Protein backbone atom coordinates (compact mmCIF):
# COMPACT_ATOMS: atom_id res chain seq x y z
CA UNK A 1 -19.51 25.27 3.27
CA UNK A 2 -17.85 28.14 5.11
CA UNK A 3 -16.03 31.29 4.11
CA UNK A 4 -13.64 33.46 6.06
CA UNK A 5 -14.35 37.18 6.17
CA UNK A 6 -11.35 37.79 3.93
CA UNK A 7 -12.60 35.37 1.27
CA UNK A 8 -16.13 36.71 1.56
CA UNK A 9 -14.88 40.28 1.00
CA UNK A 10 -12.74 39.25 -1.98
CA UNK A 11 -15.61 37.38 -3.65
CA UNK A 12 -18.00 40.28 -2.97
CA UNK A 13 -15.56 42.79 -4.43
CA UNK A 14 -14.77 40.67 -7.50
CA UNK A 15 -18.33 39.65 -8.35
CA UNK A 16 -19.89 43.03 -7.64
CA UNK A 17 -18.16 44.41 -10.72
CA UNK A 18 -19.68 41.66 -12.89
CA UNK A 19 -23.19 41.11 -11.46
CA UNK A 20 -25.68 43.03 -9.35
CA UNK A 21 -24.47 43.68 -5.79
CA UNK A 22 -27.76 42.45 -4.29
CA UNK A 23 -27.39 39.12 -6.13
CA UNK A 24 -23.83 38.76 -4.81
CA UNK A 25 -25.03 39.41 -1.25
CA UNK A 26 -27.83 36.84 -1.64
CA UNK A 27 -25.34 34.26 -2.92
CA UNK A 28 -22.88 34.94 -0.11
CA UNK A 29 -25.69 34.66 2.45
CA UNK A 30 -25.87 30.96 1.55
CA UNK A 31 -22.36 30.41 2.96
CA UNK A 32 -21.73 30.21 6.68
CA UNK A 33 -19.14 32.23 8.50
CA UNK A 34 -16.10 30.14 9.42
CA UNK A 35 -16.58 31.17 13.07
CA UNK A 36 -20.02 29.51 13.16
CA UNK A 37 -18.71 26.04 12.39
CA UNK A 38 -17.83 23.68 15.20
CA UNK A 39 -14.45 22.01 15.20
CA UNK A 40 -13.93 18.34 16.01
CA UNK A 41 -12.61 19.51 19.36
CA UNK A 42 -15.80 21.54 20.00
CA UNK A 43 -17.93 18.53 19.11
CA UNK A 44 -15.81 16.28 21.32
CA UNK A 45 -16.14 18.67 24.27
CA UNK A 46 -19.89 18.93 23.67
CA UNK A 47 -20.20 15.15 23.53
CA UNK A 48 -18.24 14.78 26.77
CA UNK A 49 -20.45 17.36 28.46
CA UNK A 50 -23.62 15.60 27.24
CA UNK A 51 -22.33 12.21 28.42
CA UNK A 52 -21.64 13.70 31.86
CA UNK A 53 -25.07 15.36 32.01
CA UNK A 54 -26.89 12.19 30.95
CA UNK A 55 -24.89 10.19 33.49
CA UNK A 56 -25.94 12.68 36.18
CA UNK A 57 -29.60 12.46 35.13
CA UNK A 58 -29.37 8.66 35.08
CA UNK A 59 -27.77 8.65 38.53
CA UNK A 60 -30.46 10.94 39.97
CA UNK A 61 -33.27 8.94 38.39
CA UNK A 62 -31.82 5.66 39.64
CA UNK A 63 -31.54 7.09 43.15
CA UNK A 64 -35.03 8.55 42.97
CA UNK A 65 -36.56 5.26 41.86
CA UNK A 66 -34.63 3.39 44.55
CA UNK A 67 -35.92 5.82 47.20
CA UNK A 68 -39.50 5.51 45.91
CA UNK A 69 -39.22 1.71 45.88
CA UNK A 70 -37.88 1.71 49.45
CA UNK A 71 -40.68 4.00 50.67
CA UNK A 72 -43.33 1.90 48.94
CA UNK A 73 -41.90 -1.32 50.36
CA UNK A 74 -41.87 0.18 53.87
CA UNK A 75 -45.39 1.56 53.42
CA UNK A 76 -46.76 -1.78 52.23
CA UNK A 77 -45.07 -3.54 55.15
CA UNK A 78 -46.71 -1.10 57.57
CA UNK A 79 -50.09 -1.59 55.89
CA UNK A 80 -49.68 -5.38 56.04
CA UNK A 81 -48.77 -5.23 59.74
CA UNK A 82 -51.76 -2.96 60.45
CA UNK A 83 -54.08 -5.33 58.54
CA UNK A 84 -52.75 -8.33 60.52
CA UNK A 85 -53.17 -6.41 63.77
CA UNK A 86 -56.74 -5.45 62.88
CA UNK A 87 -57.52 -9.03 61.85
CA UNK A 88 -56.17 -10.41 65.15
CA UNK A 89 -58.25 -7.86 67.07
CA UNK A 90 -61.36 -8.81 65.07
CA UNK A 91 -60.83 -12.55 65.68
CA UNK A 92 -60.28 -12.04 69.42
CA UNK A 93 -63.35 -9.81 69.62
CA UNK A 94 -65.53 -12.34 67.75
CA UNK A 95 -64.29 -15.21 69.94
CA UNK A 96 -64.90 -13.19 73.10
CA UNK A 97 -68.39 -12.26 71.89
CA UNK A 98 -69.17 -15.89 71.10
CA UNK A 99 -67.92 -16.99 74.52
CA UNK A 100 -70.07 -14.35 76.19
CA UNK A 101 -73.11 -15.39 74.15
CA UNK A 102 -72.50 -19.05 74.99
CA UNK A 103 -72.26 -18.12 78.67
CA UNK A 104 -75.47 -16.09 78.53
CA UNK A 105 -77.32 -18.83 76.64
CA UNK A 106 -75.99 -21.44 79.10
CA UNK A 107 -77.13 -19.32 82.05
CA UNK A 108 -80.57 -18.83 80.54
CA UNK A 109 -81.00 -22.52 79.76
CA UNK A 110 -79.96 -23.67 83.23
CA UNK A 111 -82.29 -21.29 85.01
């Protein structure tokens, strides 16, 4: 519940004559100032601002995840291509080594 300054002053003045001033001040401390309360308009503006901020965060996160996904996809493609290249080199090297060994063995057997 809220009180305007005018109402607060009137209550303080009226009750102070009947009960202890400190007790009146403690009681009035339980009431909020009218200026502290948010209006429906304030809440609506705050909600709109929060919706915009969350939309911005969502947009940035979506873009960030898309960028990370793209970089990972490109990186895995490069790794796959490198692995295939290395495998081809290994196969060619093994075949060439086997051919050389067969040639050497053939030359040794025929001599």
